C-alpha atoms as a PDB file:
ATOM      1  CA  UNK A   1       0.000   0.000   0.000  1.00  0.00           C
ATOM      2  CA  UNK A   2       2.862   2.351   0.798  1.00  0.00           C
ATOM      3  CA  UNK A   3       4.523   1.648  -2.564  1.00  0.00           C
ATOM      4  CA  UNK A   4       1.270   2.354  -4.382  1.00  0.00           C
ATOM      5  CA  UNK A   5       0.845   5.657  -2.543  1.00  0.00           C
ATOM      6  CA  UNK A   6       4.440   6.616  -3.323  1.00  0.00           C
ATOM      7  CA  UNK A   7       3.982   5.709  -6.995  1.00  0.00           C
ATOM      8  CA  UNK A   8       0.774   7.706  -7.308  1.00  0.00           C
ATOM      9  CA  UNK A   9       2.391  10.689  -5.571  1.00  0.00           C
ATOM     10  CA  UNK A  10       5.418  10.600  -7.856  1.00  0.00           C
ATOM     11  CA  UNK A  11       3.259  10.425 -10.978  1.00  0.00           C
ATOM     12  CA  UNK A  12       1.223  13.362  -9.691  1.00  0.00           C
ATOM     13  CA  UNK A  13       4.352  15.434  -9.107  1.00  0.00           C
ATOM     14  CA  UNK A  14       5.907  14.482 -12.438  1.00  0.00           C
ATOM     15  CA  UNK A  15       2.716  15.388 -14.305  1.00  0.00           C
ATOM     16  CA  UNK A  16       2.533  18.707 -12.477  1.00  0.00           C
ATOM     17  CA  UNK A  17       6.178  19.399 -13.293  1.00  0.00           C
ATOM     18  CA  UNK A  18       5.653  18.608 -16.975  1.00  0.00           C
ATOM     19  CA  UNK A  19       2.578  20.844 -16.996  1.00  0.00           C
ATOM     20  CA  UNK A  20       4.596  23.657 -15.424  1.00  0.00           C
ATOM     21  CA  UNK A  21       7.213  23.196 -18.136  1.00  0.00           C
ATOM     22  CA  UNK A  22       4.516  23.499 -20.800  1.00  0.00           C
ATOM     23  CA  UNK A  23       3.203  26.650 -19.131  1.00  0.00           C
ATOM     24  CA  UNK A  24       6.697  28.119 -19.226  1.00  0.00           C
ATOM     25  CA  UNK A  25       7.597  26.939 -22.738  1.00  0.00           C
ATOM     26  CA  UNK A  26       4.346  27.434 -24.616  1.00  0.00           C
ATOM     27  CA  UNK A  27       2.411  29.864 -22.463  1.00  0.00           C
ATOM     28  CA  UNK A  28      -0.398  27.427 -21.710  1.00  0.00           C
ATOM     29  CA  UNK A  29      -2.867  28.182 -18.911  1.00  0.00           C
ATOM     30  CA  UNK A  30      -1.412  27.740 -15.424  1.00  0.00           C
ATOM     31  CA  UNK A  31      -4.087  25.247 -14.419  1.00  0.00           C
ATOM     32  CA  UNK A  32      -2.570  22.770 -16.893  1.00  0.00           C
ATOM     33  CA  UNK A  33       0.109  21.626 -14.418  1.00  0.00           C
ATOM     34  CA  UNK A  34      -2.189  20.347 -11.678  1.00  0.00           C
ATOM     35  CA  UNK A  35      -4.579  18.925 -14.264  1.00  0.00           C
ATOM     36  CA  UNK A  36      -1.831  16.856 -15.912  1.00  0.00           C
ATOM     37  CA  UNK A  37      -0.603  15.735 -12.504  1.00  0.00           C
ATOM     38  CA  UNK A  38      -4.069  14.649 -11.448  1.00  0.00           C
ATOM     39  CA  UNK A  39      -4.647  12.836 -14.741  1.00  0.00           C
ATOM     40  CA  UNK A  40      -1.359  10.934 -14.456  1.00  0.00           C
ATOM     41  CA  UNK A  41      -2.046   9.990 -10.828  1.00  0.00           C
ATOM     42  CA  UNK A  42      -5.572   8.805 -11.644  1.00  0.00           C
ATOM     43  CA  UNK A  43      -4.366   6.686 -14.552  1.00  0.00           C
ATOM     44  CA  UNK A  44      -1.799   4.963 -12.337  1.00  0.00           C
ATOM     45  CA  UNK A  45      -4.283   4.556  -9.460  1.00  0.00           C
ATOM     46  CA  UNK A  46      -7.234   3.260 -11.496  1.00  0.00           C
ATOM     47  CA  UNK A  47      -5.667   1.014 -14.117  1.00  0.00           C
ATOM     48  CA  UNK A  48      -4.569  -2.426 -13.012  1.00  0.00           C
ATOM     49  CA  UNK A  49      -0.849  -2.787 -12.518  1.00  0.00           C
ATOM     50  CA  UNK A  50      -0.617  -5.504 -15.175  1.00  0.00           C
ATOM     51  CA  UNK A  51      -1.779  -3.138 -17.921  1.00  0.00           C
ATOM     52  CA  UNK A  52       0.968  -0.615 -17.105  1.00  0.00           C
ATOM     53  CA  UNK A  53       3.919  -2.998 -17.079  1.00  0.00           C
ATOM     54  CA  UNK A  54       5.320  -5.747 -19.231  1.00  0.00           C
ATOM     55  CA  UNK A  55       6.096  -9.116 -17.783  1.00  0.00           C
ATOM     56  CA  UNK A  56       9.312 -10.959 -18.439  1.00  0.00           C
ATOM     57  CA  UNK A  57       7.321 -14.107 -19.223  1.00  0.00           C
ATOM     58  CA  UNK A  58       5.327 -12.373 -21.953  1.00  0.00           C
ATOM     59  CA  UNK A  59       8.485 -10.984 -23.503  1.00  0.00           C
ATOM     60  CA  UNK A  60      10.077 -14.435 -23.512  1.00  0.00           C
ATOM     61  CA  UNK A  61       7.109 -15.868 -25.395  1.00  0.00           C
ATOM     62  CA  UNK A  62       7.218 -13.260 -28.135  1.00  0.00           C
ATOM     63  CA  UNK A  63      10.977 -13.074 -28.610  1.00  0.00           C
ATOM     64  CA  UNK A  64      12.753 -16.339 -27.893  1.00  0.00           C
ATOM     65  CA  UNK A  65      16.408 -16.188 -26.967  1.00  0.00           C
ATOM     66  CA  UNK A  66      18.839 -17.946 -29.315  1.00  0.00           C
ATOM     67  CA  UNK A  67      20.497 -21.042 -28.017  1.00  0.00           C
ATOM     68  CA  UNK A  68      24.203 -21.580 -28.422  1.00  0.00           C
ATOM     69  CA  UNK A  69      24.329 -25.296 -27.772  1.00  0.00           C
ATOM     70  CA  UNK A  70      26.924 -27.051 -29.824  1.00  0.00           C
ATOM     71  CA  UNK A  71      29.213 -24.044 -30.008  1.00  0.00           C
ATOM     72  CA  UNK A  72      32.233 -24.558 -27.804  1.00  0.00           C
END
């Protein structure tokens, strides 16, 4: 639970920071920062963890590793 809270908080802060950069760079409305932060935090909080990450097992199924048996 603590890791999930930390992850959501970090995504909120990173979204807010990116929004603040856009406000500075493009002159967008100042409310864009908190809105992007809230959107990023909600996406991470609501979506299941499996849809946000890739598993090593799934990657192994789609791209098999070459075998080097017989080469000495």
